[in-house]
Amino acid sequence: MKHVERQARSTFKKPIQQHNQAAFDEINARVAESDKPLILDSCCGVGESTAWLAQQYPQALVVGVDKSAHRLARHGAYQGQSQGHNYWLVRADLIDFWRLAAAAGWRLEKHYLLYPNPYPKASQLSRRWHASPVWKSLWQLGGELVMRSNWVTYLTEVAESLTLIECQAQIAPLLRSHQAMTPFERKYQRSQQQLWQLRAQLPEEVRFE
């Protein structure tokens, strides 16, 4: 927790990469034109979860972001009929994208972060999302944070990090029969791993002293 708190107090000075800025500017123009609730699907991979969320929340604008062109190119196999109407896929690095979205004043209805790589080795702590200085930008985006993982320790660490902004998270096991939202989730189900979900309502205004 000391590392997480130290990172939260630090100033992230990494320059924004030009291609991430351009990708954000394009989607931000669409967001600015919309009056729909905004849902962000971070680390969306092939975009199956993005299409699924768009079907579940037709009244919302859903944005899926992933840094891999290879994964996004596979989206056709998972594409929903609403593509181009209420969901969009963006290729960008979230380290830049979250900062740009926070600076632009995005306020999310929901924010999904499904099965991120937890980097389980102790030496890899700083590579976990909640131990990075960019985590502050996620706080600022607000909304309901929904995370899923097959490693409950990871979600427990995330929940502890949220206490820094006086936000309480709930972690619960997922039923083995629940509908998978991503190829990874389907893989974990087939191997009969226990999966977990974290939910937290991020505060309207983040105060961190």
N, C-alpha and C. Protein backbone atom coordinates (compact mmCIF):
# COMPACT_ATOMS: atom_id res chain seq x y z
N MET A 1 0.82 -1.20 0.00
CA MET A 1 0.00 0.00 0.00
C MET A 1 0.87 1.27 0.00
N LYS A 2 2.04 1.22 0.65
CA LYS A 2 2.92 2.38 0.67
C LYS A 2 3.35 2.76 -0.74
N HIS A 3 3.65 1.73 -1.56
CA HIS A 3 4.05 2.00 -2.94
C HIS A 3 2.90 2.66 -3.70
N VAL A 4 1.69 2.15 -3.52
CA VAL A 4 0.52 2.69 -4.22
C VAL A 4 0.29 4.14 -3.80
N GLU A 5 0.40 4.42 -2.51
CA GLU A 5 0.19 5.77 -2.02
C GLU A 5 1.27 6.72 -2.56
N ARG A 6 2.50 6.24 -2.61
CA ARG A 6 3.60 7.07 -3.13
C ARG A 6 3.37 7.41 -4.60
N GLN A 7 2.90 6.43 -5.37
CA GLN A 7 2.63 6.68 -6.78
C GLN A 7 1.46 7.65 -6.96
N ALA A 8 0.47 7.52 -6.09
CA ALA A 8 -0.70 8.40 -6.18
C ALA A 8 -0.33 9.85 -5.89
N ARG A 9 0.70 10.04 -5.08
CA ARG A 9 1.13 11.40 -4.73
C ARG A 9 2.11 11.97 -5.76
N SER A 10 2.61 11.12 -6.65
CA SER A 10 3.62 11.57 -7.62
C SER A 10 2.95 12.24 -8.82
N THR A 11 3.75 12.98 -9.58
CA THR A 11 3.29 13.61 -10.81
C THR A 11 3.80 12.79 -11.99
N PHE A 12 2.89 12.35 -12.84
CA PHE A 12 3.26 11.51 -13.97
C PHE A 12 3.65 12.44 -15.13
N LYS A 13 4.92 12.44 -15.48
CA LYS A 13 5.45 13.38 -16.47
C LYS A 13 5.73 12.75 -17.83
N LYS A 14 5.35 11.49 -18.02
CA LYS A 14 5.62 10.84 -19.29
C LYS A 14 4.87 11.58 -20.41
N PRO A 15 5.59 11.98 -21.47
CA PRO A 15 4.92 12.71 -22.56
C PRO A 15 3.85 11.85 -23.25
N ILE A 16 2.78 12.49 -23.69
CA ILE A 16 1.74 11.81 -24.45
C ILE A 16 2.27 11.52 -25.85
N GLN A 17 2.13 10.27 -26.29
CA GLN A 17 2.60 9.91 -27.62
C GLN A 17 1.61 10.42 -28.67
N GLN A 18 2.14 10.82 -29.80
CA GLN A 18 1.34 11.49 -30.82
C GLN A 18 0.20 10.61 -31.32
N HIS A 19 0.47 9.31 -31.54
CA HIS A 19 -0.59 8.46 -32.09
C HIS A 19 -1.72 8.25 -31.08
N ASN A 20 -1.38 8.26 -29.78
CA ASN A 20 -2.41 8.16 -28.76
C ASN A 20 -3.25 9.44 -28.71
N GLN A 21 -2.58 10.58 -28.86
CA GLN A 21 -3.31 11.86 -28.89
C GLN A 21 -4.28 11.90 -30.06
N ALA A 22 -3.81 11.46 -31.23
CA ALA A 22 -4.65 11.48 -32.42
C ALA A 22 -5.86 10.55 -32.26
N ALA A 23 -5.61 9.36 -31.71
CA ALA A 23 -6.71 8.41 -31.50
C ALA A 23 -7.72 8.97 -30.51
N PHE A 24 -7.22 9.61 -29.45
CA PHE A 24 -8.14 10.18 -28.47
C PHE A 24 -8.93 11.33 -29.07
N ASP A 25 -8.28 12.20 -29.81
CA ASP A 25 -8.97 13.35 -30.40
C ASP A 25 -10.13 12.89 -31.28
N GLU A 26 -9.93 11.81 -32.03
CA GLU A 26 -10.98 11.32 -32.92
C GLU A 26 -12.19 10.82 -32.14
N ILE A 27 -11.96 10.02 -31.11
CA ILE A 27 -13.09 9.49 -30.35
C ILE A 27 -13.68 10.58 -29.45
N ASN A 28 -12.87 11.49 -28.99
CA ASN A 28 -13.38 12.56 -28.12
C ASN A 28 -14.37 13.45 -28.87
N ALA A 29 -14.16 13.62 -30.17
CA ALA A 29 -15.11 14.40 -30.97
C ALA A 29 -16.47 13.72 -31.01
N ARG A 30 -16.47 12.39 -31.08
CA ARG A 30 -17.74 11.65 -31.08
C ARG A 30 -18.40 11.72 -29.71
N VAL A 31 -17.59 11.62 -28.67
CA VAL A 31 -18.13 11.70 -27.31
C VAL A 31 -18.75 13.07 -27.06
N ALA A 32 -18.08 14.10 -27.54
CA ALA A 32 -18.56 15.47 -27.34
C ALA A 32 -19.90 15.70 -28.04
N GLU A 33 -20.13 14.99 -29.15
CA GLU A 33 -21.37 15.15 -29.91
C GLU A 33 -22.52 14.36 -29.30
N SER A 34 -22.22 13.45 -28.38
CA SER A 34 -23.24 12.54 -27.83
C SER A 34 -23.72 13.03 -26.47
N ASP A 35 -25.00 12.80 -26.22
CA ASP A 35 -25.55 13.08 -24.89
C ASP A 35 -25.88 11.79 -24.14
N LYS A 36 -25.34 10.67 -24.64
CA LYS A 36 -25.61 9.37 -24.03
C LYS A 36 -24.67 9.12 -22.85
N PRO A 37 -25.09 8.32 -21.88
CA PRO A 37 -24.15 7.88 -20.83
C PRO A 37 -22.95 7.20 -21.47
N LEU A 38 -21.78 7.37 -20.87
CA LEU A 38 -20.54 6.88 -21.46
C LEU A 38 -20.01 5.69 -20.68
N ILE A 39 -19.75 4.60 -21.39
CA ILE A 39 -19.17 3.39 -20.80
C ILE A 39 -17.83 3.14 -21.46
N LEU A 40 -16.80 2.93 -20.63
CA LEU A 40 -15.45 2.66 -21.14
C LEU A 40 -15.07 1.22 -20.85
N ASP A 41 -14.62 0.52 -21.89
CA ASP A 41 -14.16 -0.86 -21.78
C ASP A 41 -12.66 -0.86 -22.01
N SER A 42 -11.89 -0.76 -20.92
CA SER A 42 -10.43 -0.65 -21.02
C SER A 42 -9.80 -2.04 -21.18
N CYS A 43 -8.72 -2.10 -21.95
CA CYS A 43 -8.08 -3.39 -22.27
C CYS A 43 -9.10 -4.32 -22.92
N CYS A 44 -9.77 -3.82 -23.94
CA CYS A 44 -10.91 -4.57 -24.51
C CYS A 44 -10.48 -5.74 -25.37
N GLY A 45 -9.19 -5.87 -25.71
CA GLY A 45 -8.74 -7.01 -26.49
C GLY A 45 -9.38 -7.04 -27.87
N VAL A 46 -10.08 -8.13 -28.18
CA VAL A 46 -10.73 -8.28 -29.48
C VAL A 46 -12.05 -7.53 -29.55
N GLY A 47 -12.46 -6.92 -28.46
CA GLY A 47 -13.68 -6.12 -28.47
C GLY A 47 -14.97 -6.90 -28.28
N GLU A 48 -14.86 -8.18 -27.91
CA GLU A 48 -16.08 -8.95 -27.66
C GLU A 48 -16.88 -8.33 -26.51
N SER A 49 -16.18 -7.95 -25.45
CA SER A 49 -16.86 -7.35 -24.30
C SER A 49 -17.48 -6.01 -24.67
N THR A 50 -16.83 -5.25 -25.54
CA THR A 50 -17.36 -3.95 -25.97
C THR A 50 -18.68 -4.14 -26.71
N ALA A 51 -18.72 -5.09 -27.63
CA ALA A 51 -19.95 -5.36 -28.37
C ALA A 51 -21.04 -5.87 -27.44
N TRP A 52 -20.66 -6.71 -26.48
CA TRP A 52 -21.64 -7.25 -25.52
C TRP A 52 -22.22 -6.13 -24.66
N LEU A 53 -21.37 -5.22 -24.21
CA LEU A 53 -21.84 -4.11 -23.39
C LEU A 53 -22.76 -3.20 -24.20
N ALA A 54 -22.45 -3.00 -25.46
CA ALA A 54 -23.30 -2.16 -26.31
C ALA A 54 -24.70 -2.77 -26.45
N GLN A 55 -24.77 -4.08 -26.51
CA GLN A 55 -26.07 -4.75 -26.59
C GLN A 55 -26.82 -4.67 -25.27
N GLN A 56 -26.10 -4.75 -24.16
CA GLN A 56 -26.72 -4.70 -22.84
C GLN A 56 -27.17 -3.28 -22.48
N TYR A 57 -26.47 -2.29 -23.00
CA TYR A 57 -26.78 -0.89 -22.67
C TYR A 57 -26.97 -0.09 -23.96
N PRO A 58 -28.05 -0.33 -24.68
CA PRO A 58 -28.25 0.35 -25.97
C PRO A 58 -28.43 1.85 -25.84
N GLN A 59 -28.74 2.32 -24.63
CA GLN A 59 -28.92 3.75 -24.42
C GLN A 59 -27.61 4.48 -24.20
N ALA A 60 -26.50 3.73 -24.11
CA ALA A 60 -25.20 4.31 -23.80
C ALA A 60 -24.29 4.35 -25.03
N LEU A 61 -23.24 5.14 -24.92
CA LEU A 61 -22.15 5.12 -25.89
C LEU A 61 -21.01 4.34 -25.26
N VAL A 62 -20.58 3.27 -25.91
CA VAL A 62 -19.57 2.38 -25.36
C VAL A 62 -18.28 2.53 -26.17
N VAL A 63 -17.17 2.75 -25.46
CA VAL A 63 -15.87 2.90 -26.11
C VAL A 63 -14.94 1.81 -25.59
N GLY A 64 -14.42 1.00 -26.49
CA GLY A 64 -13.44 -0.03 -26.14
C GLY A 64 -12.05 0.42 -26.56
N VAL A 65 -11.08 0.26 -25.67
CA VAL A 65 -9.71 0.71 -25.94
C VAL A 65 -8.73 -0.43 -25.71
N ASP A 66 -7.85 -0.63 -26.66
CA ASP A 66 -6.76 -1.61 -26.50
C ASP A 66 -5.57 -1.11 -27.31
N LYS A 67 -4.37 -1.44 -26.85
CA LYS A 67 -3.18 -0.94 -27.55
C LYS A 67 -2.72 -1.87 -28.67
N SER A 68 -3.33 -3.05 -28.79
CA SER A 68 -2.87 -4.03 -29.76
C SER A 68 -3.69 -3.98 -31.05
N ALA A 69 -3.04 -3.63 -32.15
CA ALA A 69 -3.71 -3.64 -33.44
C ALA A 69 -4.08 -5.06 -33.84
N HIS A 70 -3.24 -6.03 -33.46
CA HIS A 70 -3.51 -7.43 -33.80
C HIS A 70 -4.80 -7.91 -33.15
N ARG A 71 -4.98 -7.59 -31.87
CA ARG A 71 -6.20 -8.03 -31.19
C ARG A 71 -7.43 -7.33 -31.77
N LEU A 72 -7.34 -6.04 -31.99
CA LEU A 72 -8.49 -5.31 -32.51
C LEU A 72 -8.86 -5.76 -33.92
N ALA A 73 -7.87 -6.20 -34.69
CA ALA A 73 -8.13 -6.66 -36.05
C ALA A 73 -8.97 -7.94 -36.06
N ARG A 74 -9.01 -8.64 -34.95
CA ARG A 74 -9.79 -9.88 -34.86
C ARG A 74 -11.23 -9.62 -34.43
N HIS A 75 -11.61 -8.36 -34.34
CA HIS A 75 -12.93 -8.03 -33.79
C HIS A 75 -14.08 -8.53 -34.65
N GLY A 76 -13.85 -8.69 -35.95
CA GLY A 76 -14.94 -9.10 -36.84
C GLY A 76 -15.67 -10.33 -36.38
N ALA A 77 -14.94 -11.27 -35.78
CA ALA A 77 -15.57 -12.51 -35.32
C ALA A 77 -16.48 -12.30 -34.12
N TYR A 78 -16.33 -11.17 -33.45
CA TYR A 78 -17.10 -10.89 -32.24
C TYR A 78 -18.00 -9.67 -32.41
N GLN A 79 -18.05 -9.13 -33.62
CA GLN A 79 -18.68 -7.84 -33.85
C GLN A 79 -20.19 -7.90 -33.61
N GLY A 80 -20.70 -6.87 -32.93
CA GLY A 80 -22.13 -6.74 -32.72
C GLY A 80 -22.75 -5.89 -33.82
N GLN A 81 -24.04 -5.99 -33.98
CA GLN A 81 -24.72 -5.27 -35.05
C GLN A 81 -24.74 -3.77 -34.83
N SER A 82 -24.44 -3.34 -33.60
CA SER A 82 -24.52 -1.91 -33.28
C SER A 82 -23.23 -1.16 -33.56
N GLN A 83 -22.22 -1.82 -34.14
CA GLN A 83 -20.96 -1.14 -34.44
C GLN A 83 -21.22 0.10 -35.29
N GLY A 84 -20.63 1.23 -34.87
CA GLY A 84 -20.83 2.46 -35.59
C GLY A 84 -22.05 3.23 -35.13
N HIS A 85 -22.84 2.65 -34.22
CA HIS A 85 -24.03 3.33 -33.71
C HIS A 85 -23.86 3.67 -32.23
N ASN A 86 -23.55 2.67 -31.41
CA ASN A 86 -23.35 3.00 -30.00
C ASN A 86 -22.09 2.39 -29.41
N TYR A 87 -21.20 1.84 -30.25
CA TYR A 87 -19.89 1.48 -29.70
C TYR A 87 -18.80 1.68 -30.73
N TRP A 88 -17.63 2.00 -30.21
CA TRP A 88 -16.47 2.28 -31.05
C TRP A 88 -15.24 1.64 -30.41
N LEU A 89 -14.34 1.18 -31.26
CA LEU A 89 -13.08 0.61 -30.79
C LEU A 89 -11.94 1.57 -31.12
N VAL A 90 -11.04 1.72 -30.17
CA VAL A 90 -9.94 2.67 -30.32
C VAL A 90 -8.62 1.96 -30.03
N ARG A 91 -7.64 2.14 -30.89
CA ARG A 91 -6.31 1.63 -30.61
C ARG A 91 -5.51 2.73 -29.92
N ALA A 92 -5.18 2.51 -28.66
CA ALA A 92 -4.40 3.49 -27.90
C ALA A 92 -3.87 2.83 -26.64
N ASP A 93 -2.81 3.40 -26.11
CA ASP A 93 -2.24 2.96 -24.84
C ASP A 93 -3.00 3.66 -23.73
N LEU A 94 -3.52 2.88 -22.78
CA LEU A 94 -4.33 3.45 -21.72
C LEU A 94 -3.54 4.38 -20.81
N ILE A 95 -2.23 4.22 -20.75
CA ILE A 95 -1.41 5.14 -19.94
C ILE A 95 -1.60 6.58 -20.42
N ASP A 96 -1.74 6.74 -21.72
CA ASP A 96 -2.03 8.06 -22.29
C ASP A 96 -3.53 8.33 -22.34
N PHE A 97 -4.30 7.34 -22.73
CA PHE A 97 -5.72 7.54 -22.98
C PHE A 97 -6.46 7.97 -21.71
N TRP A 98 -6.19 7.31 -20.57
CA TRP A 98 -6.85 7.69 -19.33
C TRP A 98 -6.51 9.13 -18.95
N ARG A 99 -5.25 9.51 -19.11
CA ARG A 99 -4.85 10.88 -18.76
C ARG A 99 -5.55 11.90 -19.65
N LEU A 100 -5.63 11.60 -20.95
CA LEU A 100 -6.30 12.50 -21.88
C LEU A 100 -7.79 12.60 -21.58
N ALA A 101 -8.42 11.48 -21.28
CA ALA A 101 -9.85 11.47 -20.98
C ALA A 101 -10.15 12.25 -19.71
N ALA A 102 -9.31 12.08 -18.70
CA ALA A 102 -9.50 12.82 -17.45
C ALA A 102 -9.32 14.31 -17.67
N ALA A 103 -8.30 14.68 -18.46
CA ALA A 103 -8.05 16.09 -18.73
C ALA A 103 -9.18 16.72 -19.54
N ALA A 104 -9.83 15.90 -20.38
CA ALA A 104 -10.94 16.39 -21.20
C ALA A 104 -12.26 16.43 -20.43
N GLY A 105 -12.23 15.96 -19.19
CA GLY A 105 -13.44 16.02 -18.37
C GLY A 105 -14.42 14.90 -18.58
N TRP A 106 -13.97 13.76 -19.13
CA TRP A 106 -14.89 12.63 -19.27
C TRP A 106 -15.41 12.21 -17.90
N ARG A 107 -16.71 11.92 -17.85
CA ARG A 107 -17.32 11.34 -16.66
C ARG A 107 -18.07 10.09 -17.10
N LEU A 108 -17.61 8.97 -16.59
CA LEU A 108 -18.14 7.69 -17.03
C LEU A 108 -19.37 7.27 -16.23
N GLU A 109 -20.24 6.53 -16.92
CA GLU A 109 -21.33 5.85 -16.24
C GLU A 109 -20.82 4.54 -15.64
N LYS A 110 -20.04 3.82 -16.45
CA LYS A 110 -19.43 2.57 -16.02
C LYS A 110 -18.04 2.45 -16.66
N HIS A 111 -17.15 1.75 -15.95
CA HIS A 111 -15.80 1.52 -16.46
C HIS A 111 -15.44 0.06 -16.21
N TYR A 112 -15.22 -0.68 -17.29
CA TYR A 112 -14.91 -2.11 -17.21
C TYR A 112 -13.42 -2.33 -17.47
N LEU A 113 -12.84 -3.17 -16.62
CA LEU A 113 -11.44 -3.56 -16.76
C LEU A 113 -11.40 -5.06 -16.50
N LEU A 114 -11.47 -5.83 -17.59
CA LEU A 114 -11.71 -7.26 -17.49
C LEU A 114 -10.43 -8.07 -17.72
N TYR A 115 -10.06 -8.84 -16.73
CA TYR A 115 -8.94 -9.78 -16.80
C TYR A 115 -7.64 -9.14 -17.24
N PRO A 116 -7.25 -8.03 -16.60
CA PRO A 116 -5.93 -7.46 -16.90
C PRO A 116 -4.83 -8.39 -16.39
N ASN A 117 -3.68 -8.33 -17.03
CA ASN A 117 -2.55 -9.13 -16.58
C ASN A 117 -2.12 -8.65 -15.19
N PRO A 118 -2.22 -9.48 -14.16
CA PRO A 118 -1.93 -9.01 -12.80
C PRO A 118 -0.45 -8.93 -12.47
N TYR A 119 0.44 -9.43 -13.35
CA TYR A 119 1.88 -9.44 -13.05
C TYR A 119 2.11 -9.95 -11.63
N PRO A 120 2.00 -11.25 -11.41
CA PRO A 120 1.94 -11.81 -10.06
C PRO A 120 3.23 -11.76 -9.25
N LYS A 121 4.40 -11.60 -9.90
CA LYS A 121 5.64 -11.58 -9.13
C LYS A 121 5.73 -10.30 -8.30
N ALA A 122 6.29 -10.42 -7.11
CA ALA A 122 6.43 -9.26 -6.22
C ALA A 122 7.22 -8.14 -6.89
N SER A 123 8.19 -8.51 -7.69
CA SER A 123 9.03 -7.51 -8.36
C SER A 123 8.26 -6.75 -9.45
N GLN A 124 7.08 -7.24 -9.80
CA GLN A 124 6.29 -6.63 -10.88
C GLN A 124 5.18 -5.73 -10.35
N LEU A 125 5.18 -5.43 -9.07
CA LEU A 125 4.10 -4.65 -8.47
C LEU A 125 3.85 -3.35 -9.23
N SER A 126 4.90 -2.65 -9.59
CA SER A 126 4.75 -1.34 -10.22
C SER A 126 4.10 -1.42 -11.59
N ARG A 127 3.99 -2.64 -12.16
CA ARG A 127 3.38 -2.80 -13.47
C ARG A 127 1.87 -3.06 -13.37
N ARG A 128 1.38 -3.26 -12.16
CA ARG A 128 -0.06 -3.45 -11.98
C ARG A 128 -0.74 -2.09 -12.04
N TRP A 129 -1.94 -2.04 -12.60
CA TRP A 129 -2.61 -0.76 -12.84
C TRP A 129 -2.71 0.08 -11.57
N HIS A 130 -3.12 -0.51 -10.47
CA HIS A 130 -3.37 0.27 -9.26
C HIS A 130 -2.08 0.75 -8.60
N ALA A 131 -0.94 0.24 -9.03
CA ALA A 131 0.35 0.67 -8.49
C ALA A 131 1.09 1.62 -9.42
N SER A 132 0.38 2.11 -10.43
CA SER A 132 0.96 3.04 -11.40
C SER A 132 0.43 4.44 -11.12
N PRO A 133 1.22 5.47 -11.41
CA PRO A 133 0.73 6.83 -11.21
C PRO A 133 -0.46 7.19 -12.10
N VAL A 134 -0.70 6.42 -13.16
CA VAL A 134 -1.84 6.71 -14.03
C VAL A 134 -3.16 6.31 -13.38
N TRP A 135 -3.11 5.52 -12.28
CA TRP A 135 -4.32 5.09 -11.59
C TRP A 135 -5.15 6.28 -11.12
N LYS A 136 -4.50 7.40 -10.82
CA LYS A 136 -5.21 8.61 -10.41
C LYS A 136 -6.17 9.08 -11.51
N SER A 137 -5.78 8.91 -12.74
CA SER A 137 -6.64 9.33 -13.85
C SER A 137 -7.89 8.46 -13.92
N LEU A 138 -7.75 7.18 -13.62
CA LEU A 138 -8.92 6.31 -13.56
C LEU A 138 -9.87 6.79 -12.48
N TRP A 139 -9.34 7.16 -11.31
CA TRP A 139 -10.20 7.71 -10.26
C TRP A 139 -11.00 8.90 -10.77
N GLN A 140 -10.35 9.78 -11.50
CA GLN A 140 -10.98 11.01 -11.95
C GLN A 140 -12.08 10.77 -12.97
N LEU A 141 -12.02 9.66 -13.68
CA LEU A 141 -13.05 9.36 -14.68
C LEU A 141 -14.37 8.98 -14.03
N GLY A 142 -14.33 8.54 -12.78
CA GLY A 142 -15.55 8.27 -12.02
C GLY A 142 -16.35 7.09 -12.55
N GLY A 143 -17.61 7.04 -12.17
CA GLY A 143 -18.51 5.97 -12.59
C GLY A 143 -18.36 4.71 -11.75
N GLU A 144 -19.07 3.68 -12.16
CA GLU A 144 -18.97 2.39 -11.48
C GLU A 144 -17.83 1.59 -12.10
N LEU A 145 -16.84 1.26 -11.30
CA LEU A 145 -15.72 0.45 -11.76
C LEU A 145 -16.07 -1.02 -11.60
N VAL A 146 -15.93 -1.78 -12.68
CA VAL A 146 -16.19 -3.23 -12.67
C VAL A 146 -14.94 -3.92 -13.17
N MET A 147 -14.36 -4.76 -12.33
CA MET A 147 -13.17 -5.51 -12.71
C MET A 147 -13.42 -7.00 -12.49
N ARG A 148 -12.87 -7.82 -13.35
CA ARG A 148 -12.94 -9.27 -13.18
C ARG A 148 -11.53 -9.85 -13.28
N SER A 149 -11.29 -10.91 -12.50
CA SER A 149 -9.98 -11.55 -12.51
C SER A 149 -10.13 -12.99 -12.01
N ASN A 150 -9.15 -13.80 -12.37
CA ASN A 150 -9.09 -15.15 -11.80
C ASN A 150 -8.13 -15.20 -10.62
N TRP A 151 -7.64 -14.04 -10.20
CA TRP A 151 -6.71 -13.93 -9.07
C TRP A 151 -7.29 -12.95 -8.06
N VAL A 152 -7.91 -13.46 -7.02
CA VAL A 152 -8.62 -12.60 -6.08
C VAL A 152 -7.68 -11.66 -5.33
N THR A 153 -6.42 -12.06 -5.17
CA THR A 153 -5.45 -11.19 -4.50
C THR A 153 -5.30 -9.88 -5.26
N TYR A 154 -5.31 -9.94 -6.57
CA TYR A 154 -5.20 -8.74 -7.39
C TYR A 154 -6.35 -7.79 -7.10
N LEU A 155 -7.57 -8.31 -7.09
CA LEU A 155 -8.74 -7.46 -6.84
C LEU A 155 -8.73 -6.93 -5.40
N THR A 156 -8.21 -7.72 -4.48
CA THR A 156 -8.10 -7.25 -3.09
C THR A 156 -7.15 -6.07 -3.01
N GLU A 157 -6.05 -6.14 -3.74
CA GLU A 157 -5.11 -5.02 -3.78
C GLU A 157 -5.78 -3.77 -4.37
N VAL A 158 -6.57 -3.96 -5.42
CA VAL A 158 -7.28 -2.84 -6.03
C VAL A 158 -8.24 -2.21 -5.02
N ALA A 159 -8.98 -3.07 -4.32
CA ALA A 159 -9.92 -2.57 -3.31
C ALA A 159 -9.20 -1.76 -2.25
N GLU A 160 -8.04 -2.23 -1.82
CA GLU A 160 -7.26 -1.50 -0.82
C GLU A 160 -6.79 -0.15 -1.36
N SER A 161 -6.42 -0.10 -2.63
CA SER A 161 -5.98 1.16 -3.22
C SER A 161 -7.12 2.17 -3.26
N LEU A 162 -8.35 1.71 -3.41
CA LEU A 162 -9.49 2.61 -3.49
C LEU A 162 -9.83 3.24 -2.14
N THR A 163 -9.37 2.63 -1.06
CA THR A 163 -9.62 3.22 0.25
C THR A 163 -8.87 4.55 0.40
N LEU A 164 -7.86 4.78 -0.43
CA LEU A 164 -7.13 6.04 -0.38
C LEU A 164 -8.04 7.22 -0.76
N ILE A 165 -9.09 6.94 -1.52
CA ILE A 165 -10.05 8.00 -1.89
C ILE A 165 -11.40 7.74 -1.22
N GLU A 166 -11.36 6.99 -0.14
CA GLU A 166 -12.56 6.70 0.66
C GLU A 166 -13.65 6.05 -0.19
N CYS A 167 -13.24 5.11 -1.00
CA CYS A 167 -14.15 4.36 -1.85
C CYS A 167 -14.12 2.89 -1.44
N GLN A 168 -15.27 2.34 -1.15
CA GLN A 168 -15.37 0.96 -0.73
C GLN A 168 -15.77 0.07 -1.91
N ALA A 169 -15.01 -0.99 -2.13
CA ALA A 169 -15.29 -1.92 -3.21
C ALA A 169 -15.84 -3.23 -2.66
N GLN A 170 -16.67 -3.88 -3.45
CA GLN A 170 -17.20 -5.20 -3.09
C GLN A 170 -16.62 -6.23 -4.06
N ILE A 171 -16.12 -7.32 -3.49
CA ILE A 171 -15.56 -8.42 -4.29
C ILE A 171 -16.40 -9.65 -4.04
N ALA A 172 -16.82 -10.30 -5.12
CA ALA A 172 -17.68 -11.49 -4.98
C ALA A 172 -17.28 -12.51 -6.04
N PRO A 173 -17.45 -13.80 -5.71
CA PRO A 173 -17.18 -14.84 -6.72
C PRO A 173 -18.25 -14.84 -7.80
N LEU A 174 -17.85 -15.15 -9.01
CA LEU A 174 -18.80 -15.29 -10.11
C LEU A 174 -19.25 -16.74 -10.19
N LEU A 175 -20.52 -16.94 -10.48
CA LEU A 175 -21.03 -18.29 -10.67
C LEU A 175 -20.39 -18.91 -11.91
N ARG A 176 -20.14 -20.20 -11.85
CA ARG A 176 -19.48 -20.86 -12.98
C ARG A 176 -20.34 -20.81 -14.25
N SER A 177 -21.64 -20.60 -14.09
CA SER A 177 -22.56 -20.59 -15.24
C SER A 177 -22.77 -19.20 -15.82
N HIS A 178 -22.06 -18.17 -15.29
CA HIS A 178 -22.30 -16.81 -15.78
C HIS A 178 -21.82 -16.68 -17.22
N GLN A 179 -22.39 -15.72 -17.94
CA GLN A 179 -22.04 -15.53 -19.34
C GLN A 179 -20.68 -14.88 -19.47
N ALA A 180 -19.81 -15.50 -20.24
CA ALA A 180 -18.47 -14.96 -20.46
C ALA A 180 -18.54 -13.73 -21.36
N MET A 181 -17.72 -12.73 -21.05
CA MET A 181 -17.68 -11.50 -21.83
C MET A 181 -16.44 -11.40 -22.70
N THR A 182 -15.43 -12.25 -22.44
CA THR A 182 -14.19 -12.18 -23.20
C THR A 182 -13.69 -13.60 -23.49
N PRO A 183 -12.82 -13.75 -24.50
CA PRO A 183 -12.23 -15.08 -24.76
C PRO A 183 -11.45 -15.60 -23.56
N PHE A 184 -10.74 -14.72 -22.83
CA PHE A 184 -10.01 -15.16 -21.64
C PHE A 184 -10.97 -15.73 -20.60
N GLU A 185 -12.08 -15.05 -20.41
CA GLU A 185 -13.05 -15.51 -19.42
C GLU A 185 -13.58 -16.89 -19.80
N ARG A 186 -13.84 -17.09 -21.07
CA ARG A 186 -14.33 -18.39 -21.54
C ARG A 186 -13.27 -19.47 -21.31
N LYS A 187 -12.01 -19.12 -21.54
CA LYS A 187 -10.90 -20.06 -21.31
C LYS A 187 -10.83 -20.45 -19.85
N TYR A 188 -10.95 -19.46 -18.95
CA TYR A 188 -10.89 -19.75 -17.52
C TYR A 188 -12.08 -20.61 -17.08
N GLN A 189 -13.24 -20.36 -17.67
CA GLN A 189 -14.41 -21.18 -17.34
C GLN A 189 -14.18 -22.64 -17.73
N ARG A 190 -13.62 -22.83 -18.92
CA ARG A 190 -13.39 -24.21 -19.39
C ARG A 190 -12.41 -24.96 -18.49
N SER A 191 -11.46 -24.22 -17.93
CA SER A 191 -10.50 -24.84 -17.02
C SER A 191 -10.99 -24.88 -15.58
N GLN A 192 -12.26 -24.46 -15.38
CA GLN A 192 -12.94 -24.53 -14.08
C GLN A 192 -12.23 -23.71 -12.99
N GLN A 193 -11.66 -22.60 -13.39
CA GLN A 193 -11.07 -21.69 -12.41
C GLN A 193 -12.16 -20.85 -11.76
N GLN A 194 -11.97 -20.54 -10.49
CA GLN A 194 -12.89 -19.62 -9.82
C GLN A 194 -12.59 -18.19 -10.27
N LEU A 195 -13.62 -17.50 -10.72
CA LEU A 195 -13.48 -16.13 -11.18
C LEU A 195 -14.13 -15.18 -10.19
N TRP A 196 -13.62 -13.95 -10.15
CA TRP A 196 -14.04 -12.97 -9.16
C TRP A 196 -14.37 -11.64 -9.83
N GLN A 197 -15.27 -10.90 -9.21
CA GLN A 197 -15.66 -9.59 -9.73
C GLN A 197 -15.61 -8.54 -8.62
N LEU A 198 -15.04 -7.41 -8.97
CA LEU A 198 -15.00 -6.24 -8.07
C LEU A 198 -15.93 -5.18 -8.63
N ARG A 199 -16.70 -4.57 -7.75
CA ARG A 199 -17.53 -3.41 -8.12
C ARG A 199 -17.27 -2.29 -7.13
N ALA A 200 -17.16 -1.07 -7.64
CA ALA A 200 -16.95 0.08 -6.77
C ALA A 200 -17.51 1.31 -7.46
N GLN A 201 -18.25 2.11 -6.72
CA GLN A 201 -18.76 3.37 -7.24
C GLN A 201 -17.75 4.46 -6.90
N LEU A 202 -17.03 4.92 -7.90
CA LEU A 202 -16.01 5.94 -7.67
C LEU A 202 -16.68 7.27 -7.32
N PRO A 203 -16.06 8.04 -6.44
CA PRO A 203 -16.68 9.29 -5.99
C PRO A 203 -16.79 10.32 -7.11
N GLU A 204 -17.80 11.19 -6.99
CA GLU A 204 -17.99 12.25 -7.98
C GLU A 204 -16.79 13.19 -8.01
N GLU A 205 -16.23 13.44 -6.85
CA GLU A 205 -15.06 14.30 -6.75
C GLU A 205 -13.99 13.59 -5.96
N VAL A 206 -12.83 13.40 -6.57
CA VAL A 206 -11.75 12.68 -5.92
C VAL A 206 -10.94 13.63 -5.06
N ARG A 207 -10.82 13.28 -3.80
CA ARG A 207 -10.00 14.07 -2.88
C ARG A 207 -8.94 13.15 -2.29
N PHE A 208 -7.72 13.51 -2.54
CA PHE A 208 -6.61 12.71 -2.03
C PHE A 208 -5.56 13.65 -1.51
N GLU A 209 -5.41 13.65 -0.20
CA GLU A 209 -4.45 14.54 0.46
C GLU A 209 -3.11 13.83 0.64
